[in-house]
Amino acid sequence: MNPRLHGLSPVVIQHVLAAGQALDGGHLDEADRQLSHALAAYPDHPEVLRLLAGIHNLRGQHLDALRVMRRALAQRPQDPLYHNTLGSLLGAAGDYELAIDALRVACKLQPGLAIAWFNLGVMLTKSVRNDEAVEALQRTVSLAPDHIAARALLADILRTRGQLEEAAAEYRQLIAQQPAAGIAWWGLADLRTQRFTEEDIKRMRAALQLPATNDNDRITIGFALAKALDDAGDYAASLAALEQANAIARRRQDWNAEAFSSSVAAITAAFDPPPAGAMEPLGREAIFIVSLPRAGSTLVEQILASHSSVEGAGELPDLPHVLAEESRRRGKPFPQWVDHMQPSDWERLGRRYLERTAHWRRRRPIFTDKLPNNWIYIGAIRAMLPAAHIVVCRRDRLETCFSCYRQPLDSSNGYTRSFADLASFWRDFDRSVQHWTALHPASVHEHRYEVLLAEPEAHIRELLDFCRLPFENACLHFHENRREVRSPSATQVHQPLRRDTARAHLYGNLLDPLRKALDLPSWQP
């Protein structure tokens, strides 16, 4: 018997095992139903608590998940699987640094625990530490050669390095071994260098019908199928596949649009009027690029990173982490402690951010931080780093929201699963960045994707002027820059500007529900 189940009755053991299987498959309701029996009889058992933490996590209740998991770990401090679970939960909550620490403990306690090495590779990837991530993922594959997710993530890294043929070959090999490997099907779709065949479409449809296919795979296969059907011009079927995939994702983790809007409003109010921030002109080294996903932020970063003075760092977790550190220090959630901050406190946070990001200034003096949702924290950026430049990327609202809907973004982007939530999120973004742009016009610059397409050189010169960078011709030829790009737009930004990226018009009145949610007129042919 599994020693972790010691102390449970035989009947409860069966419920715990069933709950674990359901959790692994992403079947949240079934996991909850099975574990409820165990909780009633053994509310403090560490293994019951560990599974309860996993259920909280899938529901997006990250603080509850961590609280419960720490109760479990206190009872079994030498259990590597418990440290692995804690690391995964910390990562889901966005605390990648503590997640990496916990996962390294798990790997040290049990060097042969493949899942801990894999999760370590995931967190290192999210922290933009790709070289270390490759080592952890290769260790995973050496321990578990059939670990589909690890191999797919290694293929993703090949894609970011521009090795598209090698990545495609690896995805194809994974699909040959596991036809329902959704992560590989989506990886292939996300390469955007080849069209799926009719046979591929048949295989994806068949995989979706397999009883053993779990919800994670159903979601990613659904998005890949939608991409294939879009390429084939079958827009109604493509939208139907998207609706099904997003419905599964939404069942697993609901998005509370009202709560999010209230949170954004509270943060905005906390910085209006702006507090007395850092006295030192910190932040000249930093260019923040903020936006909704799929709004052209990767393209802006690629343009700036083609400048000889700028390092394109990608989506860094450091700003939210610094704010979370201060929340823990003060025992209050952000932004409740903003009123208590002195200029010296903001300077301390600014220096902490620059300390955490020093790695990105080893080769070039300026770096970009492209974490999309940092638009929420523009007030904090201005207080911490008053000399930083903030570029807000905008794209047509319909195209932006539809593009988000078509992408299997991670659980932190749960608003992308429905048209109503997308529209609400877009309005929060629009209202917030309009406020900050009006309040800080010298530090916050709006960049519009459609204007860039119409007048590339003029708009690129304007962007460089705002960032106090001298013009360099390489910025006009950004697609020739072979740097690693870690985003869904990695393939696109290695190509010249394309004017055929708009998709909404192809769907005609099928997208009228999204138009209505965004307060746009119905489709007119």
Protein backbone atom coordinates (compact mmCIF):
# COMPACT_ATOMS: atom_id res chain seq x y z
CA MET A 1 0.00 0.00 0.00
CA ASN A 2 1.13 3.55 -0.70
CA PRO A 3 2.63 4.74 2.64
CA ARG A 4 1.10 8.17 2.09
CA LEU A 5 -2.31 6.54 2.61
CA HIS A 6 -1.37 5.12 6.02
CA GLY A 7 -4.05 5.77 8.64
CA LEU A 8 -6.98 5.86 6.20
CA SER A 9 -9.73 3.24 6.18
CA PRO A 10 -9.97 0.94 3.11
CA VAL A 11 -13.17 2.64 1.93
CA VAL A 12 -11.65 6.12 2.20
CA ILE A 13 -8.49 4.95 0.43
CA GLN A 14 -10.62 4.10 -2.60
CA HIS A 15 -12.16 7.57 -2.56
CA VAL A 16 -8.73 9.21 -2.25
CA LEU A 17 -7.33 7.19 -5.14
CA ALA A 18 -10.35 8.04 -7.29
CA ALA A 19 -10.00 11.73 -6.37
CA GLY A 20 -6.34 11.66 -7.36
CA GLN A 21 -7.14 10.10 -10.73
CA ALA A 22 -9.88 12.66 -11.40
CA LEU A 23 -7.56 15.50 -10.43
CA ASP A 24 -4.83 14.24 -12.76
CA GLY A 25 -7.36 14.15 -15.58
CA GLY A 26 -8.64 17.63 -14.82
CA HIS A 27 -12.09 16.37 -13.81
CA LEU A 28 -12.67 18.83 -11.00
CA ASP A 29 -16.26 17.98 -10.08
CA GLU A 30 -15.48 14.26 -9.82
CA ALA A 31 -12.35 14.93 -7.76
CA ASP A 32 -14.37 17.12 -5.41
CA ARG A 33 -17.12 14.52 -5.08
CA GLN A 34 -14.70 11.70 -4.27
CA LEU A 35 -12.60 13.72 -1.84
CA SER A 36 -15.63 14.95 0.10
CA HIS A 37 -16.02 11.45 1.56
CA ALA A 38 -12.41 11.49 2.78
CA LEU A 39 -12.65 15.02 4.18
CA ALA A 40 -15.69 14.11 6.24
CA ALA A 41 -13.81 11.28 7.95
CA TYR A 42 -10.19 12.53 7.92
CA PRO A 43 -10.13 16.35 7.64
CA ASP A 44 -6.51 16.66 8.82
CA HIS A 45 -4.89 13.72 6.99
CA PRO A 46 -1.92 15.07 4.96
CA GLU A 47 -2.76 13.18 1.77
CA VAL A 48 -6.37 14.32 1.90
CA LEU A 49 -5.13 17.88 2.41
CA ARG A 50 -2.71 17.58 -0.52
CA LEU A 51 -5.53 16.62 -2.88
CA LEU A 52 -7.76 19.34 -1.44
CA ALA A 53 -5.03 21.85 -2.23
CA GLY A 54 -5.01 20.60 -5.81
CA ILE A 55 -8.78 21.14 -6.09
CA HIS A 56 -8.47 24.69 -4.70
CA ASN A 57 -5.73 25.33 -7.23
CA LEU A 58 -7.82 24.20 -10.20
CA ARG A 59 -10.56 26.56 -9.02
CA GLY A 60 -8.11 29.44 -9.00
CA GLN A 61 -8.24 29.70 -5.19
CA HIS A 62 -4.46 29.98 -4.87
CA LEU A 63 -4.20 31.33 -1.33
CA ASP A 64 -6.48 28.57 -0.02
CA ALA A 65 -4.47 25.98 -1.93
CA LEU A 66 -1.18 27.16 -0.42
CA ARG A 67 -2.63 27.38 3.09
CA VAL A 68 -3.93 23.81 2.93
CA MET A 69 -0.76 22.46 1.31
CA ARG A 70 1.45 23.98 3.98
CA ARG A 71 -0.67 22.21 6.61
CA ALA A 72 -0.01 18.94 4.81
CA LEU A 73 3.71 19.60 4.38
CA ALA A 74 4.12 20.44 8.07
CA GLN A 75 3.16 16.83 8.80
CA ARG A 76 5.50 15.36 6.16
CA PRO A 77 8.44 17.77 5.74
CA GLN A 78 10.71 15.14 4.19
CA ASP A 79 8.27 13.96 1.52
CA PRO A 80 9.55 15.00 -1.94
CA LEU A 81 6.11 14.71 -3.53
CA TYR A 82 4.73 17.22 -1.03
CA HIS A 83 7.48 19.72 -1.90
CA ASN A 84 6.70 19.08 -5.56
CA THR A 85 3.02 19.84 -5.01
CA LEU A 86 3.87 22.99 -3.05
CA GLY A 87 6.14 24.11 -5.89
CA SER A 88 3.40 23.59 -8.45
CA LEU A 89 0.91 25.55 -6.35
CA LEU A 90 3.35 28.42 -5.83
CA GLY A 91 3.91 28.53 -9.56
CA ALA A 92 0.18 28.63 -10.24
CA ALA A 93 -0.02 31.58 -7.81
CA GLY A 94 2.70 33.36 -9.80
CA ASP A 95 5.49 33.04 -7.23
CA TYR A 96 8.01 31.35 -9.52
CA GLU A 97 11.05 32.01 -7.35
CA LEU A 98 9.62 30.23 -4.29
CA ALA A 99 8.24 27.53 -6.61
CA ILE A 100 11.73 26.85 -7.97
CA ASP A 101 13.10 26.66 -4.43
CA ALA A 102 10.44 24.13 -3.38
CA LEU A 103 10.96 22.02 -6.50
CA ARG A 104 14.72 21.96 -6.04
CA VAL A 105 14.10 20.57 -2.53
CA ALA A 106 11.90 17.85 -4.07
CA CYS A 107 14.59 16.96 -6.62
CA LYS A 108 17.24 16.85 -3.90
CA LEU A 109 15.13 14.62 -1.66
CA GLN A 110 14.37 12.23 -4.53
CA PRO A 111 16.63 12.74 -7.58
CA GLY A 112 14.65 10.15 -9.52
CA LEU A 113 11.30 11.95 -9.21
CA ALA A 114 10.60 12.82 -12.84
CA ILE A 115 7.52 14.95 -12.14
CA ALA A 116 9.55 17.26 -9.88
CA TRP A 117 12.20 17.77 -12.57
CA PHE A 118 9.45 18.48 -15.10
CA ASN A 119 7.72 21.02 -12.88
CA LEU A 120 11.10 22.62 -12.20
CA GLY A 121 11.61 22.91 -15.97
CA VAL A 122 8.19 24.54 -16.33
CA MET A 123 8.89 27.12 -13.62
CA LEU A 124 12.34 27.90 -15.00
CA THR A 125 10.75 28.42 -18.42
CA LYS A 126 8.18 30.79 -16.91
CA SER A 127 11.05 32.65 -15.23
CA VAL A 128 12.75 33.03 -18.65
CA ARG A 129 15.67 30.85 -17.54
CA ASN A 130 15.64 28.64 -20.60
CA ASP A 131 19.13 27.16 -20.34
CA GLU A 132 18.42 25.87 -16.84
CA ALA A 133 14.97 24.75 -17.99
CA VAL A 134 16.47 22.63 -20.77
CA GLU A 135 18.69 20.85 -18.23
CA ALA A 136 15.71 20.06 -15.97
CA LEU A 137 13.55 18.89 -18.89
CA GLN A 138 16.33 16.70 -20.28
CA ARG A 139 16.67 15.17 -16.82
CA THR A 140 12.91 14.50 -16.89
CA VAL A 141 13.14 12.73 -20.25
CA SER A 142 16.13 10.68 -19.11
CA LEU A 143 14.07 9.44 -16.16
CA ALA A 144 10.80 9.09 -18.11
CA PRO A 145 11.42 8.81 -21.89
CA ASP A 146 7.66 8.78 -22.57
CA HIS A 147 6.98 12.03 -20.71
CA ILE A 148 4.98 13.76 -23.45
CA ALA A 149 4.71 17.16 -21.77
CA ALA A 150 8.46 17.42 -21.10
CA ARG A 151 9.29 16.54 -24.67
CA ALA A 152 6.70 18.98 -25.98
CA LEU A 153 8.14 21.76 -23.83
CA LEU A 154 11.61 20.98 -25.17
CA ALA A 155 10.12 21.27 -28.66
CA ASP A 156 8.61 24.63 -27.65
CA ILE A 157 12.10 25.82 -26.73
CA LEU A 158 13.36 24.69 -30.15
CA ARG A 159 10.61 26.86 -31.63
CA THR A 160 11.69 29.90 -29.62
CA ARG A 161 15.20 29.40 -30.96
CA GLY A 162 13.94 29.42 -34.54
CA GLN A 163 14.52 25.69 -35.10
CA LEU A 164 11.07 25.23 -36.60
CA GLU A 165 11.66 22.06 -38.62
CA GLU A 166 13.21 20.29 -35.63
CA ALA A 167 10.31 21.40 -33.43
CA ALA A 168 7.73 20.19 -35.99
CA ALA A 169 9.46 16.82 -36.26
CA GLU A 170 9.41 16.39 -32.48
CA TYR A 171 5.71 17.30 -32.26
CA ARG A 172 4.92 14.83 -35.04
CA GLN A 173 6.87 12.10 -33.28
CA LEU A 174 4.96 12.74 -30.05
CA ILE A 175 1.62 12.55 -31.89
CA ALA A 176 2.65 9.29 -33.51
CA GLN A 177 3.30 7.85 -30.05
CA GLN A 178 0.27 9.41 -28.38
CA PRO A 179 -2.53 10.47 -30.79
CA ALA A 180 -4.32 12.41 -28.03
CA ALA A 181 -1.27 14.46 -27.03
CA GLY A 182 -3.00 17.82 -27.11
CA ILE A 183 0.11 19.74 -26.16
CA ALA A 184 1.85 18.40 -29.28
CA TRP A 185 -1.11 19.09 -31.57
CA TRP A 186 -1.23 22.68 -30.35
CA GLY A 187 2.55 23.04 -30.59
CA LEU A 188 2.29 22.03 -34.24
CA ALA A 189 -0.56 24.50 -34.82
CA ASP A 190 1.34 27.29 -33.07
CA LEU A 191 4.32 26.95 -35.40
CA ARG A 192 2.18 28.63 -38.09
CA THR A 193 4.55 27.39 -40.79
CA GLN A 194 2.42 24.63 -42.26
CA ARG A 195 -1.21 23.73 -42.75
CA PHE A 196 -2.81 20.67 -41.28
CA THR A 197 -3.94 18.01 -43.75
CA GLU A 198 -7.40 16.45 -44.00
CA GLU A 199 -5.87 13.38 -42.38
CA ASP A 200 -4.66 15.53 -39.46
CA ILE A 201 -8.19 16.89 -39.00
CA LYS A 202 -9.61 13.36 -38.96
CA ARG A 203 -7.01 12.28 -36.39
CA MET A 204 -7.79 15.23 -34.12
CA ARG A 205 -11.52 14.56 -34.32
CA ALA A 206 -10.90 10.90 -33.51
CA ALA A 207 -8.68 11.80 -30.54
CA LEU A 208 -11.43 14.01 -29.11
CA GLN A 209 -13.80 11.02 -29.13
CA LEU A 210 -11.47 8.71 -27.23
CA PRO A 211 -12.84 8.02 -23.71
CA ALA A 212 -9.30 8.13 -22.30
CA THR A 213 -8.61 11.64 -23.59
CA ASN A 214 -8.47 13.97 -20.59
CA ASP A 215 -9.80 17.51 -20.40
CA ASN A 216 -6.37 19.11 -20.80
CA ASP A 217 -5.91 17.31 -24.10
CA ARG A 218 -9.47 18.02 -25.22
CA ILE A 219 -8.83 21.73 -24.72
CA THR A 220 -5.55 21.91 -26.64
CA ILE A 221 -6.68 19.54 -29.41
CA GLY A 222 -9.82 21.67 -29.74
CA PHE A 223 -7.76 24.81 -30.31
CA ALA A 224 -5.52 23.01 -32.80
CA LEU A 225 -8.56 21.67 -34.65
CA ALA A 226 -10.03 25.18 -34.78
CA LYS A 227 -6.78 26.45 -36.32
CA ALA A 228 -6.86 23.67 -38.92
CA LEU A 229 -10.50 24.38 -39.80
CA ASP A 230 -9.78 28.11 -40.02
CA ASP A 231 -6.93 27.44 -42.44
CA ALA A 232 -9.31 25.27 -44.48
CA GLY A 233 -11.86 28.11 -44.62
CA ASP A 234 -14.52 26.28 -42.59
CA TYR A 235 -15.15 29.17 -40.21
CA ALA A 236 -18.40 27.94 -38.67
CA ALA A 237 -16.80 24.61 -37.74
CA SER A 238 -13.70 26.42 -36.46
CA LEU A 239 -15.79 28.62 -34.16
CA ALA A 240 -17.72 25.57 -32.94
CA ALA A 241 -14.43 23.85 -32.02
CA LEU A 242 -13.34 26.97 -30.14
CA GLU A 243 -16.64 27.16 -28.25
CA GLN A 244 -16.27 23.55 -27.14
CA ALA A 245 -12.64 23.91 -26.06
CA ASN A 246 -13.27 27.15 -24.18
CA ALA A 247 -16.36 25.67 -22.50
CA ILE A 248 -14.26 22.82 -21.09
CA ALA A 249 -11.62 25.26 -19.89
CA ARG A 250 -14.25 27.49 -18.31
CA ARG A 251 -15.85 24.57 -16.46
CA ARG A 252 -12.48 23.84 -14.91
CA GLN A 253 -11.80 27.40 -13.79
CA ASP A 254 -14.45 30.07 -13.78
CA TRP A 255 -13.53 33.74 -14.15
CA ASN A 256 -15.10 36.32 -11.85
CA ALA A 257 -15.27 39.39 -14.08
CA GLU A 258 -16.98 41.53 -11.44
CA ALA A 259 -14.33 40.78 -8.82
CA PHE A 260 -11.54 41.51 -11.28
CA SER A 261 -13.09 44.84 -12.27
CA SER A 262 -13.41 45.81 -8.61
CA SER A 263 -9.76 44.89 -8.04
CA VAL A 264 -8.60 47.05 -10.96
CA ALA A 265 -10.73 49.96 -9.74
CA ALA A 266 -9.27 49.65 -6.23
CA ILE A 267 -5.69 49.67 -7.57
CA THR A 268 -6.39 52.69 -9.77
CA ALA A 269 -7.96 54.57 -6.85
CA ALA A 270 -4.98 53.78 -4.60
CA PHE A 271 -2.67 55.69 -6.96
CA ASP A 272 -4.95 58.62 -7.72
CA PRO A 273 -3.62 61.09 -6.85
CA PRO A 274 -0.15 59.60 -7.39
CA PRO A 275 1.72 59.00 -4.12
CA ALA A 276 5.08 60.60 -3.41
CA GLY A 277 7.31 58.03 -5.06
CA ALA A 278 11.02 57.32 -5.14
CA MET A 279 13.12 60.49 -5.02
CA GLU A 280 15.87 58.95 -7.11
CA PRO A 281 15.16 58.79 -10.89
CA LEU A 282 15.22 55.00 -10.91
CA GLY A 283 14.19 52.94 -13.92
CA ARG A 284 15.96 54.49 -16.90
CA GLU A 285 17.09 50.96 -17.68
CA ALA A 286 13.56 49.57 -18.00
CA ILE A 287 10.97 49.68 -20.77
CA PHE A 288 7.67 48.10 -19.74
CA ILE A 289 5.50 46.83 -22.59
CA VAL A 290 1.90 46.24 -21.45
CA SER A 291 -1.20 45.12 -23.30
CA LEU A 292 -3.84 42.49 -23.67
CA PRO A 293 -2.40 39.28 -25.10
CA ARG A 294 -2.36 39.09 -28.92
CA ALA A 295 -2.22 42.90 -29.29
CA GLY A 296 1.23 43.23 -30.87
CA SER A 297 3.40 43.47 -27.75
CA THR A 298 5.85 40.82 -28.99
CA LEU A 299 6.29 42.79 -32.19
CA VAL A 300 7.05 45.98 -30.22
CA GLU A 301 9.58 44.11 -28.10
CA GLN A 302 11.20 42.64 -31.23
CA ILE A 303 11.55 46.15 -32.72
CA LEU A 304 13.11 47.53 -29.53
CA ALA A 305 15.33 44.45 -29.02
CA SER A 306 16.78 45.04 -32.48
CA HIS A 307 18.37 48.22 -31.08
CA SER A 308 21.98 47.87 -30.00
CA SER A 309 21.19 49.22 -26.51
CA VAL A 310 18.16 47.05 -25.70
CA GLU A 311 17.84 43.48 -24.41
CA GLY A 312 14.45 41.86 -25.02
CA ALA A 313 13.81 39.97 -21.78
CA GLY A 314 10.27 38.78 -22.47
CA GLU A 315 7.48 38.26 -19.93
CA LEU A 316 9.23 38.73 -16.60
CA PRO A 317 7.53 37.77 -13.31
CA ASP A 318 9.58 40.24 -11.25
CA LEU A 319 7.23 43.23 -10.84
CA PRO A 320 4.26 41.23 -9.43
CA HIS A 321 6.75 39.29 -7.31
CA VAL A 322 8.20 42.46 -5.74
CA LEU A 323 4.69 43.72 -4.93
CA ALA A 324 3.79 40.31 -3.46
CA GLU A 325 6.92 40.40 -1.29
CA GLU A 326 5.82 43.76 0.12
CA SER A 327 2.33 42.39 0.76
CA ARG A 328 3.82 39.53 2.78
CA ARG A 329 6.11 41.93 4.65
CA ARG A 330 3.24 44.21 5.62
CA GLY A 331 0.66 41.46 6.15
CA LYS A 332 -1.82 43.16 3.82
CA PRO A 333 -2.76 42.48 0.20
CA PHE A 334 -1.87 45.00 -2.50
CA PRO A 335 -3.03 47.81 -2.77
CA GLN A 336 -4.17 48.13 0.85
CA TRP A 337 -0.69 49.15 1.98
CA VAL A 338 -0.14 51.87 -0.65
CA ASP A 339 -1.32 54.69 1.67
CA HIS A 340 1.34 53.70 4.22
CA MET A 341 4.27 53.90 1.78
CA GLN A 342 6.94 56.60 2.06
CA PRO A 343 9.22 57.70 -0.81
CA SER A 344 12.00 55.61 0.74
CA ASP A 345 9.72 52.54 0.60
CA TRP A 346 8.99 53.03 -3.08
CA GLU A 347 12.69 53.50 -3.73
CA ARG A 348 13.39 50.25 -1.88
CA LEU A 349 10.90 48.39 -4.08
CA GLY A 350 12.34 50.00 -7.21
CA ARG A 351 15.85 48.92 -6.29
CA ARG A 352 14.57 45.43 -5.48
CA TYR A 353 13.04 45.18 -8.96
CA LEU A 354 16.28 46.37 -10.59
CA GLU A 355 18.25 43.89 -8.47
CA ARG A 356 16.02 41.01 -9.59
CA THR A 357 16.34 41.99 -13.26
CA ALA A 358 20.08 42.76 -13.28
CA HIS A 359 20.67 39.60 -15.33
CA TRP A 360 19.05 41.30 -18.34
CA ARG A 361 21.54 44.19 -18.30
CA ARG A 362 24.72 42.15 -18.56
CA ARG A 363 25.03 42.61 -22.34
CA ARG A 364 23.04 45.79 -22.98
CA PRO A 365 22.18 48.72 -20.69
CA ILE A 366 18.39 48.73 -21.28
CA PHE A 367 15.88 45.86 -21.11
CA THR A 368 12.23 45.28 -21.86
CA ASP A 369 9.71 43.72 -19.47
CA LYS A 370 6.80 42.46 -21.56
CA LEU A 371 4.50 40.89 -18.97
CA PRO A 372 1.10 41.85 -20.47
CA ASN A 373 -0.88 42.39 -17.28
CA ASN A 374 1.58 44.89 -15.84
CA TRP A 375 -0.88 47.52 -17.11
CA ILE A 376 -2.68 46.90 -13.83
CA TYR A 377 0.42 48.15 -11.97
CA ILE A 378 1.28 51.31 -13.93
CA GLY A 379 0.67 53.42 -10.80
CA ALA A 380 3.13 51.27 -8.84
CA ILE A 381 5.70 51.38 -11.65
CA ARG A 382 5.55 55.17 -11.65
CA ALA A 383 6.07 55.25 -7.86
CA MET A 384 8.90 52.69 -7.82
CA LEU A 385 10.67 53.55 -11.08
CA PRO A 386 9.79 57.13 -12.03
CA ALA A 387 12.25 57.19 -14.96
CA ALA A 388 10.95 53.99 -16.59
CA HIS A 389 9.20 54.10 -19.95
CA ILE A 390 5.84 52.34 -20.33
CA VAL A 391 4.55 51.38 -23.78
CA VAL A 392 0.87 50.43 -23.98
CA CYS A 393 0.14 48.24 -27.01
CA ARG A 394 -3.28 48.49 -28.58
CA ARG A 395 -4.88 46.63 -31.46
CA ASP A 396 -8.43 46.70 -32.82
CA ARG A 397 -10.60 45.51 -29.93
CA LEU A 398 -12.50 42.91 -31.95
CA GLU A 399 -9.34 41.42 -33.44
CA THR A 400 -7.61 41.41 -30.06
CA CYS A 401 -10.43 39.71 -28.20
CA PHE A 402 -11.08 37.17 -30.95
CA SER A 403 -7.38 36.34 -31.13
CA CYS A 404 -7.33 35.76 -27.35
CA TYR A 405 -10.39 33.51 -27.70
CA ARG A 406 -8.53 31.44 -30.31
CA GLN A 407 -5.45 30.88 -28.11
CA PRO A 408 -5.16 28.34 -25.26
CA LEU A 409 -3.68 30.84 -22.82
CA ASP A 410 -2.79 29.70 -19.31
CA SER A 411 -5.09 29.71 -16.31
CA SER A 412 -4.16 33.28 -15.33
CA ASN A 413 -6.03 34.39 -18.47
CA GLY A 414 -9.35 32.79 -17.60
CA TYR A 415 -11.25 35.78 -19.03
CA THR A 416 -10.49 34.53 -22.57
CA ARG A 417 -13.02 31.69 -22.32
CA SER A 418 -16.17 33.68 -23.08
CA PHE A 419 -17.12 36.72 -25.11
CA ALA A 420 -18.71 38.44 -22.10
CA ASP A 421 -15.60 38.04 -19.95
CA LEU A 422 -13.31 39.14 -22.78
CA ALA A 423 -15.36 42.30 -23.30
CA SER A 424 -15.37 43.08 -19.57
CA PHE A 425 -11.61 42.58 -19.35
CA TRP A 426 -11.02 44.77 -22.41
CA ARG A 427 -13.10 47.57 -20.87
CA ASP A 428 -11.07 47.34 -17.63
CA PHE A 429 -7.87 47.59 -19.67
CA ASP A 430 -9.15 50.44 -21.82
CA ARG A 431 -10.42 52.48 -18.87
CA SER A 432 -7.24 51.92 -16.88
CA VAL A 433 -4.69 52.76 -19.57
CA GLN A 434 -6.63 55.83 -20.67
CA HIS A 435 -6.43 57.02 -17.07
CA TRP A 436 -2.67 56.42 -16.78
CA THR A 437 -1.86 57.87 -20.20
CA ALA A 438 -3.70 61.09 -19.33
CA LEU A 439 -2.09 61.25 -15.87
CA HIS A 440 1.49 60.48 -17.00
CA PRO A 441 1.76 61.52 -20.68
CA ALA A 442 5.55 61.81 -20.61
CA SER A 443 6.00 58.29 -19.24
CA VAL A 444 3.15 56.28 -20.80
CA HIS A 445 2.97 55.97 -24.59
CA GLU A 446 0.18 54.32 -26.60
CA HIS A 447 1.36 52.25 -29.56
CA ARG A 448 -1.31 51.25 -32.08
CA TYR A 449 -0.75 48.14 -34.17
CA GLU A 450 -2.80 49.34 -37.14
CA VAL A 451 -0.84 52.62 -37.31
CA LEU A 452 2.41 50.66 -37.33
CA LEU A 453 1.17 48.63 -40.31
CA ALA A 454 0.17 51.80 -42.18
CA GLU A 455 3.36 53.80 -41.52
CA PRO A 456 6.10 51.49 -40.17
CA GLU A 457 9.10 53.82 -40.25
CA ALA A 458 7.33 56.87 -38.84
CA HIS A 459 5.79 54.82 -36.02
CA ILE A 460 9.05 53.05 -35.18
CA ARG A 461 10.85 56.41 -35.02
CA GLU A 462 8.14 57.70 -32.70
CA LEU A 463 8.51 54.64 -30.48
CA LEU A 464 12.29 55.04 -30.26
CA ASP A 465 11.96 58.76 -29.53
CA PHE A 466 9.61 58.03 -26.64
CA CYS A 467 12.10 55.52 -25.20
CA ARG A 468 14.92 58.09 -25.58
CA LEU A 469 16.73 55.82 -28.02
CA PRO A 470 18.57 57.11 -31.11
CA PHE A 471 17.21 55.74 -34.37
CA GLU A 472 18.90 52.60 -35.71
CA ASN A 473 18.08 51.10 -39.07
CA ALA A 474 18.10 47.59 -37.58
CA CYS A 475 14.80 48.41 -35.86
CA LEU A 476 13.14 48.66 -39.29
CA HIS A 477 14.49 45.19 -40.12
CA PHE A 478 13.46 43.61 -36.82
CA HIS A 479 12.55 40.31 -38.55
CA GLU A 480 16.24 39.69 -39.22
CA ASN A 481 16.97 39.60 -35.49
CA ARG A 482 17.30 35.90 -34.60
CA ARG A 483 16.92 36.32 -30.82
CA GLU A 484 14.86 33.81 -28.88
CA VAL A 485 11.21 34.86 -28.59
CA ARG A 486 9.13 33.21 -25.89
CA SER A 487 5.53 33.93 -26.90
CA PRO A 488 2.83 32.64 -29.27
CA SER A 489 4.00 35.26 -31.81
CA ALA A 490 7.54 33.85 -31.98
CA THR A 491 7.23 32.76 -35.61
CA GLN A 492 5.48 35.92 -36.80
CA VAL A 493 8.06 38.40 -35.51
CA HIS A 494 10.78 36.65 -37.49
CA GLN A 495 8.91 37.64 -40.65
CA PRO A 496 8.45 41.08 -42.26
CA LEU A 497 5.33 43.02 -41.25
CA ARG A 498 2.21 41.21 -42.43
CA ARG A 499 -1.03 42.96 -43.27
CA ASP A 500 -3.15 39.80 -43.41
CA THR A 501 -3.37 38.98 -39.70
CA ALA A 502 -6.98 40.17 -39.25
CA ARG A 503 -9.39 37.23 -38.98
CA ALA A 504 -12.68 38.58 -37.66
CA HIS A 505 -14.05 39.67 -41.06
CA LEU A 506 -13.75 36.10 -42.33
CA TYR A 507 -16.28 34.96 -39.72
CA GLY A 508 -18.87 37.57 -40.71
CA ASN A 509 -21.99 37.56 -38.56
CA LEU A 510 -20.79 34.49 -36.65
CA LEU A 511 -18.93 36.95 -34.44
CA ASP A 512 -21.88 39.25 -33.83
CA PRO A 513 -22.19 38.00 -30.20
CA LEU A 514 -18.63 39.22 -29.57
CA ARG A 515 -19.34 42.48 -31.40
CA LYS A 516 -22.39 43.01 -29.21
CA ALA A 517 -20.39 42.33 -26.03
CA LEU A 518 -17.85 44.94 -27.17
CA ASP A 519 -20.55 47.50 -28.04
CA LEU A 520 -19.72 47.27 -31.74
CA PRO A 521 -22.25 47.28 -34.61
CA SER A 522 -23.31 44.01 -36.22
CA TRP A 523 -21.49 42.65 -39.23
CA GLN A 524 -22.06 44.52 -42.47
CA PRO A 525 -20.81 42.67 -45.61
